[in-house]
Amino acid sequence: MIHVTSKAVEKIRQTLAREGLAEGGLRLGVQGGGCSGMSYLIRPEAQPRANDHVFEFDGVRIFVDPKSMNYLAGLTLDYQESLMRSGFVFQNPNARKSCGCGTSFTV
C-alpha cells in the first residue's frame, strides 16, 4: 500500500489535466541510478499496464509496477512548496539512506 497526501493529489490532478490525461494516472516507480543507487520515477501515463498495482486517491490514480512495489510499499507521497523549492517529496520507510535532494535512495 502507498499513501498520497491531499496536497500531492491536487498537484497530480493539475498535472494530468495539463497533459490532457485527466482519465490517466501517475506512474510511480524505481530505477537504478542516482547518487544513492536507486532513483524514483514519476511521470503521467494514459493508462496502467496489465500487471500494475493501481491505487486511487480522491479520483486520482497511481500506477506502480510489481518490482517497484517491493521498494515503495508503505511510501507516502507529498507535495511541498517553499521559497527554495517545490516538488514531490517521497517519505519511504524502506530507504535506509537518501541523497540530499531526496530523489534517490539506498535500501
N, C-alpha and C. Protein backbone atom coordinates (compact mmCIF):
# COMPACT_ATOMS: atom_id res chain seq x y z
N MET A 1 0.84 -1.18 0.00
CA MET A 1 0.00 0.00 0.00
C MET A 1 0.88 1.24 0.00
N ILE A 2 0.45 2.25 -0.71
CA ILE A 2 1.10 3.55 -0.66
C ILE A 2 0.07 4.58 -0.24
N HIS A 3 0.56 5.75 0.17
CA HIS A 3 -0.31 6.83 0.61
C HIS A 3 0.05 8.08 -0.17
N VAL A 4 -0.95 8.91 -0.45
CA VAL A 4 -0.74 10.16 -1.16
C VAL A 4 -1.49 11.24 -0.39
N THR A 5 -0.78 12.31 -0.03
CA THR A 5 -1.41 13.39 0.73
C THR A 5 -2.35 14.19 -0.16
N SER A 6 -3.23 14.95 0.46
CA SER A 6 -4.19 15.76 -0.30
C SER A 6 -3.49 16.81 -1.16
N LYS A 7 -2.38 17.37 -0.69
CA LYS A 7 -1.61 18.33 -1.50
C LYS A 7 -1.06 17.66 -2.75
N ALA A 8 -0.54 16.45 -2.59
CA ALA A 8 0.00 15.72 -3.74
C ALA A 8 -1.11 15.34 -4.71
N VAL A 9 -2.26 14.92 -4.20
CA VAL A 9 -3.40 14.57 -5.06
C VAL A 9 -3.78 15.77 -5.92
N GLU A 10 -3.87 16.94 -5.32
CA GLU A 10 -4.25 18.13 -6.08
C GLU A 10 -3.22 18.47 -7.15
N LYS A 11 -1.94 18.36 -6.83
CA LYS A 11 -0.88 18.65 -7.81
C LYS A 11 -0.90 17.61 -8.93
N ILE A 12 -1.13 16.35 -8.60
CA ILE A 12 -1.22 15.31 -9.63
C ILE A 12 -2.40 15.60 -10.54
N ARG A 13 -3.53 15.96 -9.97
CA ARG A 13 -4.73 16.28 -10.75
C ARG A 13 -4.43 17.42 -11.73
N GLN A 14 -3.76 18.47 -11.26
CA GLN A 14 -3.39 19.59 -12.12
C GLN A 14 -2.45 19.15 -13.25
N THR A 15 -1.47 18.32 -12.91
CA THR A 15 -0.51 17.84 -13.90
C THR A 15 -1.19 17.00 -14.97
N LEU A 16 -2.06 16.09 -14.56
CA LEU A 16 -2.76 15.23 -15.52
C LEU A 16 -3.66 16.06 -16.43
N ALA A 17 -4.33 17.06 -15.89
CA ALA A 17 -5.19 17.93 -16.70
C ALA A 17 -4.34 18.70 -17.72
N ARG A 18 -3.21 19.23 -17.29
CA ARG A 18 -2.32 19.99 -18.17
C ARG A 18 -1.79 19.10 -19.30
N GLU A 19 -1.55 17.83 -19.01
CA GLU A 19 -1.03 16.88 -20.01
C GLU A 19 -2.14 16.27 -20.87
N GLY A 20 -3.40 16.62 -20.59
CA GLY A 20 -4.52 16.05 -21.33
C GLY A 20 -4.80 14.61 -20.96
N LEU A 21 -4.43 14.23 -19.74
CA LEU A 21 -4.59 12.85 -19.28
C LEU A 21 -5.51 12.78 -18.06
N ALA A 22 -6.58 13.55 -18.05
CA ALA A 22 -7.47 13.57 -16.90
C ALA A 22 -8.01 12.19 -16.55
N GLU A 23 -8.10 11.30 -17.54
CA GLU A 23 -8.56 9.93 -17.30
C GLU A 23 -7.40 8.98 -17.02
N GLY A 24 -6.18 9.48 -17.07
CA GLY A 24 -5.00 8.65 -16.87
C GLY A 24 -4.61 8.58 -15.41
N GLY A 25 -3.32 8.55 -15.18
CA GLY A 25 -2.82 8.47 -13.82
C GLY A 25 -1.34 8.83 -13.77
N LEU A 26 -0.78 8.69 -12.60
CA LEU A 26 0.63 9.00 -12.38
C LEU A 26 1.37 7.70 -12.10
N ARG A 27 2.44 7.45 -12.86
CA ARG A 27 3.26 6.28 -12.62
C ARG A 27 4.33 6.61 -11.61
N LEU A 28 4.40 5.78 -10.56
CA LEU A 28 5.48 5.84 -9.58
C LEU A 28 6.30 4.58 -9.75
N GLY A 29 7.60 4.74 -9.74
CA GLY A 29 8.45 3.58 -9.89
C GLY A 29 9.84 3.83 -9.33
N VAL A 30 10.67 2.83 -9.48
CA VAL A 30 12.05 2.88 -9.01
C VAL A 30 12.92 2.38 -10.16
N GLN A 31 14.06 3.05 -10.35
CA GLN A 31 15.03 2.61 -11.35
C GLN A 31 16.43 2.76 -10.79
N GLY A 32 17.36 2.02 -11.33
CA GLY A 32 18.74 2.12 -10.90
C GLY A 32 19.31 3.47 -11.30
N GLY A 33 20.16 4.02 -10.43
CA GLY A 33 20.80 5.29 -10.74
C GLY A 33 20.67 6.27 -9.60
N GLY A 34 21.10 7.48 -9.84
CA GLY A 34 21.07 8.49 -8.80
C GLY A 34 22.28 8.37 -7.90
N CYS A 35 22.50 9.35 -7.07
CA CYS A 35 23.71 9.36 -6.25
C CYS A 35 23.66 8.37 -5.10
N SER A 36 22.48 7.81 -4.78
CA SER A 36 22.40 6.82 -3.71
C SER A 36 22.14 5.41 -4.20
N GLY A 37 22.08 5.21 -5.50
CA GLY A 37 21.94 3.86 -6.04
C GLY A 37 20.62 3.58 -6.73
N MET A 38 19.52 4.11 -6.22
CA MET A 38 18.21 3.93 -6.84
C MET A 38 17.53 5.29 -6.89
N SER A 39 16.77 5.53 -7.95
CA SER A 39 16.08 6.80 -8.04
C SER A 39 14.60 6.57 -8.30
N TYR A 40 13.81 7.55 -7.91
CA TYR A 40 12.37 7.50 -8.09
C TYR A 40 12.02 7.90 -9.51
N LEU A 41 11.04 7.23 -10.06
CA LEU A 41 10.50 7.54 -11.37
C LEU A 41 9.09 8.06 -11.14
N ILE A 42 8.75 9.17 -11.76
CA ILE A 42 7.42 9.74 -11.62
C ILE A 42 7.05 10.40 -12.94
N ARG A 43 5.94 9.93 -13.55
CA ARG A 43 5.52 10.51 -14.82
C ARG A 43 4.04 10.23 -15.07
N PRO A 44 3.37 11.12 -15.79
CA PRO A 44 1.97 10.89 -16.15
C PRO A 44 1.87 9.82 -17.23
N GLU A 45 0.82 9.00 -17.15
CA GLU A 45 0.57 7.97 -18.16
C GLU A 45 -0.91 7.87 -18.43
N ALA A 46 -1.25 7.48 -19.65
CA ALA A 46 -2.64 7.41 -20.07
C ALA A 46 -3.42 6.28 -19.39
N GLN A 47 -2.73 5.14 -19.15
CA GLN A 47 -3.42 4.01 -18.52
C GLN A 47 -2.41 3.08 -17.86
N PRO A 48 -2.89 2.24 -16.95
CA PRO A 48 -1.97 1.30 -16.29
C PRO A 48 -1.60 0.15 -17.21
N ARG A 49 -0.51 -0.51 -16.89
CA ARG A 49 -0.12 -1.74 -17.57
C ARG A 49 -0.90 -2.89 -16.95
N ALA A 50 -0.93 -4.01 -17.63
CA ALA A 50 -1.74 -5.15 -17.20
C ALA A 50 -1.41 -5.63 -15.79
N ASN A 51 -0.14 -5.61 -15.38
CA ASN A 51 0.23 -6.16 -14.07
C ASN A 51 0.48 -5.08 -13.00
N ASP A 52 0.15 -3.84 -13.28
CA ASP A 52 0.35 -2.75 -12.32
C ASP A 52 -0.56 -2.87 -11.10
N HIS A 53 -0.06 -2.39 -9.99
CA HIS A 53 -0.90 -2.13 -8.83
C HIS A 53 -1.51 -0.75 -9.09
N VAL A 54 -2.80 -0.62 -8.93
CA VAL A 54 -3.47 0.66 -9.18
C VAL A 54 -4.11 1.11 -7.88
N PHE A 55 -3.76 2.32 -7.46
CA PHE A 55 -4.31 2.93 -6.25
C PHE A 55 -5.10 4.16 -6.67
N GLU A 56 -6.17 4.45 -5.95
CA GLU A 56 -6.96 5.64 -6.26
C GLU A 56 -7.13 6.49 -5.01
N PHE A 57 -6.87 7.77 -5.17
CA PHE A 57 -6.99 8.74 -4.09
C PHE A 57 -7.81 9.91 -4.58
N ASP A 58 -9.03 10.03 -4.09
CA ASP A 58 -9.91 11.14 -4.45
C ASP A 58 -10.00 11.32 -5.97
N GLY A 59 -10.14 10.21 -6.68
CA GLY A 59 -10.31 10.24 -8.13
C GLY A 59 -9.01 10.27 -8.92
N VAL A 60 -7.86 10.32 -8.27
CA VAL A 60 -6.57 10.33 -8.94
C VAL A 60 -5.97 8.93 -8.83
N ARG A 61 -5.55 8.38 -9.97
CA ARG A 61 -4.99 7.02 -9.97
C ARG A 61 -3.46 7.06 -9.97
N ILE A 62 -2.88 6.12 -9.24
CA ILE A 62 -1.43 5.94 -9.16
C ILE A 62 -1.13 4.53 -9.66
N PHE A 63 -0.17 4.40 -10.59
CA PHE A 63 0.21 3.11 -11.15
C PHE A 63 1.61 2.75 -10.65
N VAL A 64 1.76 1.53 -10.13
CA VAL A 64 3.06 1.05 -9.65
C VAL A 64 3.28 -0.37 -10.18
N ASP A 65 4.42 -0.58 -10.85
CA ASP A 65 4.72 -1.92 -11.35
C ASP A 65 5.12 -2.82 -10.18
N PRO A 66 4.97 -4.14 -10.35
CA PRO A 66 5.25 -5.07 -9.24
C PRO A 66 6.67 -4.98 -8.67
N LYS A 67 7.70 -4.83 -9.50
CA LYS A 67 9.06 -4.74 -8.98
C LYS A 67 9.24 -3.49 -8.13
N SER A 68 8.73 -2.37 -8.60
CA SER A 68 8.85 -1.13 -7.84
C SER A 68 8.08 -1.19 -6.54
N MET A 69 6.97 -1.93 -6.53
CA MET A 69 6.15 -2.04 -5.33
C MET A 69 6.96 -2.62 -4.17
N ASN A 70 7.93 -3.49 -4.48
CA ASN A 70 8.79 -4.06 -3.43
C ASN A 70 9.55 -2.96 -2.68
N TYR A 71 9.90 -1.88 -3.37
CA TYR A 71 10.66 -0.79 -2.78
C TYR A 71 9.78 0.36 -2.28
N LEU A 72 8.53 0.40 -2.76
CA LEU A 72 7.66 1.54 -2.44
C LEU A 72 6.56 1.21 -1.43
N ALA A 73 6.46 -0.03 -1.00
CA ALA A 73 5.42 -0.40 -0.03
C ALA A 73 5.55 0.47 1.22
N GLY A 74 4.48 1.12 1.60
CA GLY A 74 4.48 1.99 2.78
C GLY A 74 4.85 3.44 2.47
N LEU A 75 5.18 3.75 1.22
CA LEU A 75 5.58 5.09 0.81
C LEU A 75 4.44 6.10 1.02
N THR A 76 4.81 7.30 1.44
CA THR A 76 3.88 8.43 1.43
C THR A 76 4.43 9.45 0.45
N LEU A 77 3.59 9.82 -0.51
CA LEU A 77 3.96 10.85 -1.49
C LEU A 77 3.29 12.15 -1.07
N ASP A 78 4.09 13.18 -0.91
CA ASP A 78 3.60 14.50 -0.51
C ASP A 78 4.03 15.51 -1.56
N TYR A 79 3.47 16.69 -1.50
CA TYR A 79 3.91 17.80 -2.35
C TYR A 79 4.13 18.99 -1.44
N GLN A 80 5.31 19.59 -1.55
CA GLN A 80 5.63 20.72 -0.69
C GLN A 80 6.12 21.89 -1.53
N GLU A 81 5.76 23.09 -1.08
CA GLU A 81 6.22 24.32 -1.72
C GLU A 81 6.88 25.19 -0.68
N SER A 82 8.04 25.75 -1.04
CA SER A 82 8.73 26.68 -0.16
C SER A 82 9.42 27.73 -1.03
N LEU A 83 10.08 28.67 -0.39
CA LEU A 83 10.80 29.68 -1.14
C LEU A 83 11.97 29.09 -1.92
N MET A 84 12.56 28.03 -1.40
CA MET A 84 13.75 27.44 -2.01
C MET A 84 13.42 26.40 -3.10
N ARG A 85 12.32 25.66 -2.93
CA ARG A 85 11.97 24.64 -3.92
C ARG A 85 10.54 24.18 -3.76
N SER A 86 10.03 23.59 -4.79
CA SER A 86 8.72 22.98 -4.71
C SER A 86 8.77 21.68 -5.50
N GLY A 87 8.03 20.69 -5.03
CA GLY A 87 8.02 19.41 -5.72
C GLY A 87 7.50 18.30 -4.84
N PHE A 88 7.46 17.12 -5.44
CA PHE A 88 7.01 15.95 -4.72
C PHE A 88 8.08 15.50 -3.75
N VAL A 89 7.64 15.02 -2.59
CA VAL A 89 8.53 14.55 -1.54
C VAL A 89 8.15 13.10 -1.24
N PHE A 90 9.17 12.23 -1.26
CA PHE A 90 8.98 10.81 -1.01
C PHE A 90 9.38 10.49 0.41
N GLN A 91 8.44 9.97 1.19
CA GLN A 91 8.73 9.51 2.55
C GLN A 91 8.63 7.99 2.50
N ASN A 92 9.80 7.36 2.34
CA ASN A 92 9.86 5.94 2.08
C ASN A 92 10.45 5.20 3.28
N PRO A 93 9.64 4.37 3.95
CA PRO A 93 10.16 3.64 5.12
C PRO A 93 11.17 2.56 4.74
N ASN A 94 11.28 2.21 3.46
CA ASN A 94 12.22 1.19 3.01
C ASN A 94 13.61 1.76 2.73
N ALA A 95 13.72 3.06 2.65
CA ALA A 95 15.00 3.70 2.34
C ALA A 95 15.86 3.78 3.59
N ARG A 96 17.05 3.20 3.52
CA ARG A 96 17.99 3.29 4.65
C ARG A 96 18.73 4.61 4.61
N LYS A 97 18.97 5.10 3.40
CA LYS A 97 19.72 6.33 3.22
C LYS A 97 19.21 7.00 1.95
N SER A 98 19.15 8.33 1.93
CA SER A 98 18.76 9.02 0.72
C SER A 98 19.69 10.21 0.50
N CYS A 99 19.70 10.68 -0.73
CA CYS A 99 20.58 11.80 -1.07
C CYS A 99 19.99 13.10 -0.55
N GLY A 100 20.75 14.16 -0.63
CA GLY A 100 20.31 15.46 -0.14
C GLY A 100 19.09 16.01 -0.85
N CYS A 101 18.96 15.72 -2.14
CA CYS A 101 17.81 16.27 -2.88
C CYS A 101 16.56 15.40 -2.72
N GLY A 102 16.70 14.19 -2.18
CA GLY A 102 15.55 13.34 -1.89
C GLY A 102 15.03 12.56 -3.06
N THR A 103 15.75 12.55 -4.19
CA THR A 103 15.26 11.83 -5.37
C THR A 103 15.92 10.47 -5.57
N SER A 104 16.90 10.13 -4.75
CA SER A 104 17.49 8.79 -4.84
C SER A 104 17.69 8.24 -3.44
N PHE A 105 17.83 6.91 -3.37
CA PHE A 105 17.90 6.26 -2.07
C PHE A 105 18.61 4.93 -2.15
N THR A 106 18.92 4.37 -0.99
CA THR A 106 19.52 3.06 -0.84
C THR A 106 18.62 2.23 0.06
N VAL A 107 18.45 0.95 -0.29
CA VAL A 107 17.64 0.06 0.56
C VAL A 107 18.53 -0.90 1.29
